[in-house]
């Protein structure tokens, strides 16, 4: 295989001259860099920078003998943007955020919309004592276990040789 076969614009599949007529050279460079990153990630069969690839939000599940704690990092969201449900042994954390910015002086407007939903299987918890707190973009859901579930826990000793 020749080195020129490894360079995408020499094998005839891409033609850089398409962006040479772009009046802004930085915009042409930006588009070409985006294309290069897209091509690189496509070879790994991963969508670059998508919410599915990053599985946002980051969720941590911590289980002890007495409770299960679910901690979700939700930066930039407010308590009113978040919905928490516990149904049929499934804890679902979902939310959405909409924002709009407009600067008429600079003729600039920007809209952002993001929605997420994460579901975590949770068994044997006391639904009446479930609590949640939200502080500094971190959601903590505390799910106390039922007394019967606490008795099911059995410590297993590790035997040496």
Protein backbone atom coordinates (compact mmCIF):
# COMPACT_ATOMS: atom_id res chain seq x y z
CA UNK A 1 0.00 0.00 0.00
CA UNK A 2 1.40 3.35 -1.01
CA UNK A 3 1.46 6.29 1.40
CA UNK A 4 -0.74 8.33 -0.92
CA UNK A 5 -3.49 5.69 -0.51
CA UNK A 6 -3.69 6.60 3.18
CA UNK A 7 -4.32 10.29 2.49
CA UNK A 8 -8.06 10.75 1.88
CA UNK A 9 -7.81 13.58 -0.64
CA UNK A 10 -5.33 11.73 -2.87
CA UNK A 11 -7.48 8.68 -3.47
CA UNK A 12 -10.18 10.60 -5.32
CA UNK A 13 -12.84 10.15 -2.61
CA UNK A 14 -12.55 13.75 -1.38
CA UNK A 15 -11.75 16.95 -3.17
CA UNK A 16 -10.46 19.84 -1.08
CA UNK A 17 -11.09 22.24 -3.92
CA UNK A 18 -14.75 22.29 -2.85
CA UNK A 19 -13.87 24.55 0.07
CA UNK A 20 -11.18 26.60 -1.65
CA UNK A 21 -13.81 29.00 -2.92
CA UNK A 22 -14.96 29.63 0.65
CA UNK A 23 -14.52 33.39 1.33
CA UNK A 24 -13.43 32.75 4.92
CA UNK A 25 -10.34 30.50 5.13
CA UNK A 26 -10.92 29.80 8.84
CA UNK A 27 -14.42 28.52 8.12
CA UNK A 28 -13.01 26.26 5.39
CA UNK A 29 -10.39 24.95 7.84
CA UNK A 30 -13.08 24.42 10.49
CA UNK A 31 -15.24 22.41 8.08
CA UNK A 32 -12.30 20.32 6.94
CA UNK A 33 -11.22 19.57 10.54
CA UNK A 34 -14.80 18.50 11.39
CA UNK A 35 -14.80 16.22 8.36
CA UNK A 36 -11.47 14.68 9.39
CA UNK A 37 -12.71 13.99 12.91
CA UNK A 38 -15.95 12.52 11.58
CA UNK A 39 -13.98 10.22 9.26
CA UNK A 40 -11.68 9.15 12.10
CA UNK A 41 -14.57 8.31 14.46
CA UNK A 42 -16.53 6.61 11.69
CA UNK A 43 -13.73 4.06 11.34
CA UNK A 44 -14.32 3.04 14.98
CA UNK A 45 -18.08 2.80 14.39
CA UNK A 46 -18.68 5.42 17.11
CA UNK A 47 -20.73 8.57 16.66
CA UNK A 48 -18.47 11.50 17.62
CA UNK A 49 -19.59 13.73 20.47
CA UNK A 50 -23.17 12.48 20.42
CA UNK A 51 -25.22 12.15 23.58
CA UNK A 52 -25.54 8.40 22.98
CA UNK A 53 -21.78 7.90 22.71
CA UNK A 54 -21.14 9.86 25.86
CA UNK A 55 -24.21 8.40 27.66
CA UNK A 56 -24.96 11.65 29.41
CA UNK A 57 -25.56 12.16 32.27
CA UNK A 58 -22.89 10.38 34.23
CA UNK A 59 -24.54 8.14 36.84
CA UNK A 60 -22.97 6.36 39.80
CA UNK A 61 -24.80 3.62 41.74
CA UNK A 62 -23.59 2.81 45.26
CA UNK A 63 -25.20 -0.07 47.16
CA UNK A 64 -24.76 -0.94 50.82
CA UNK A 65 -26.60 -3.43 53.02
CA UNK A 66 -29.15 -0.79 54.02
CA UNK A 67 -29.64 1.41 50.95
CA UNK A 68 -28.96 2.13 47.31
CA UNK A 69 -27.69 5.59 46.33
CA UNK A 70 -27.88 6.86 42.78
CA UNK A 71 -25.81 9.96 42.04
CA UNK A 72 -26.24 11.75 38.71
CA UNK A 73 -24.17 14.70 37.51
CA UNK A 74 -26.48 17.24 35.86
CA UNK A 75 -24.49 20.46 35.39
CA UNK A 76 -26.42 23.47 34.15
CA UNK A 77 -29.80 22.02 35.05
CA UNK A 78 -32.18 23.23 37.73
CA UNK A 79 -34.42 21.18 39.97
CA UNK A 80 -37.48 22.07 37.86
CA UNK A 81 -35.79 20.54 34.77
CA UNK A 82 -35.52 17.05 36.36
CA UNK A 83 -38.09 14.25 36.71
CA UNK A 84 -37.55 11.15 38.90
CA UNK A 85 -39.82 8.09 38.84
CA UNK A 86 -39.69 4.69 40.53
CA UNK A 87 -41.98 2.21 38.83
CA UNK A 88 -41.97 -1.60 38.77
CA UNK A 89 -38.38 -1.86 40.03
CA UNK A 90 -37.03 0.71 37.59
CA UNK A 91 -35.68 4.12 38.67
CA UNK A 92 -35.91 6.59 35.81
CA UNK A 93 -34.18 9.97 35.86
CA UNK A 94 -35.13 12.23 32.98
CA UNK A 95 -35.12 15.87 32.10
CA UNK A 96 -34.83 18.50 29.46
CA UNK A 97 -33.47 21.96 29.11
CA UNK A 98 -34.35 24.67 26.66
CA UNK A 99 -32.52 27.94 26.38
CA UNK A 100 -32.55 30.76 23.93
CA UNK A 101 -30.10 33.65 23.57
CA UNK A 102 -30.62 36.64 21.34
CA UNK A 103 -28.42 39.68 20.86
CA UNK A 104 -30.13 42.05 18.42
CA UNK A 105 -27.20 44.47 18.46
CA UNK A 106 -24.84 41.84 17.07
CA UNK A 107 -27.58 40.04 15.10
CA UNK A 108 -26.95 36.84 16.96
CA UNK A 109 -29.36 34.24 18.28
CA UNK A 110 -28.78 30.77 19.61
CA UNK A 111 -31.15 28.03 20.69
CA UNK A 112 -30.28 24.95 22.69
CA UNK A 113 -32.44 21.95 23.49
CA UNK A 114 -31.30 18.85 25.31
CA UNK A 115 -33.23 15.86 26.63
CA UNK A 116 -31.97 12.84 28.54
CA UNK A 117 -33.34 9.74 30.22
CA UNK A 118 -31.50 7.11 32.25
CA UNK A 119 -33.12 4.01 33.78
CA UNK A 120 -31.59 1.88 36.50
CA UNK A 121 -33.08 -1.42 37.74
CA UNK A 122 -33.67 -1.24 41.51
CA UNK A 123 -35.17 -4.10 43.55
CA UNK A 124 -36.45 -4.49 47.10
CA UNK A 125 -36.56 -0.84 48.18
CA UNK A 126 -39.00 0.88 50.52
CA UNK A 127 -40.82 3.18 48.09
CA UNK A 128 -42.33 5.23 50.92
CA UNK A 129 -38.90 6.28 52.22
CA UNK A 130 -37.21 7.15 48.93
CA UNK A 131 -35.69 10.64 48.96
CA UNK A 132 -33.83 12.89 46.56
CA UNK A 133 -31.67 15.98 46.89
CA UNK A 134 -30.21 18.31 44.28
CA UNK A 135 -27.28 20.62 44.98
CA UNK A 136 -24.70 22.25 42.70
CA UNK A 137 -25.74 20.20 39.68
CA UNK A 138 -25.52 16.84 41.49
CA UNK A 139 -28.67 14.78 42.01
CA UNK A 140 -28.61 12.19 44.81
CA UNK A 141 -31.46 9.67 45.09
CA UNK A 142 -31.45 7.58 48.28
CA UNK A 143 -33.44 4.34 48.20
CA UNK A 144 -33.60 2.52 51.57
CA UNK A 145 -33.85 -1.25 51.26
CA UNK A 146 -36.75 -3.22 52.73
CA UNK A 147 -35.88 -5.17 55.89
CA UNK A 148 -36.38 -8.45 53.99
CA UNK A 149 -33.85 -7.33 51.37
CA UNK A 150 -31.33 -6.43 54.07
CA UNK A 151 -31.55 -9.98 55.43
CA UNK A 152 -30.88 -11.46 51.98
CA UNK A 153 -27.32 -10.10 52.00
CA UNK A 154 -24.80 -12.79 52.78
CA UNK A 155 -21.11 -12.14 53.20
CA UNK A 156 -18.92 -14.72 51.50
CA UNK A 157 -15.53 -15.40 53.00
CA UNK A 158 -12.52 -15.80 50.71
CA UNK A 159 -10.47 -18.84 51.57
CA UNK A 160 -6.73 -18.72 51.00
CA UNK A 161 -4.79 -21.69 49.64
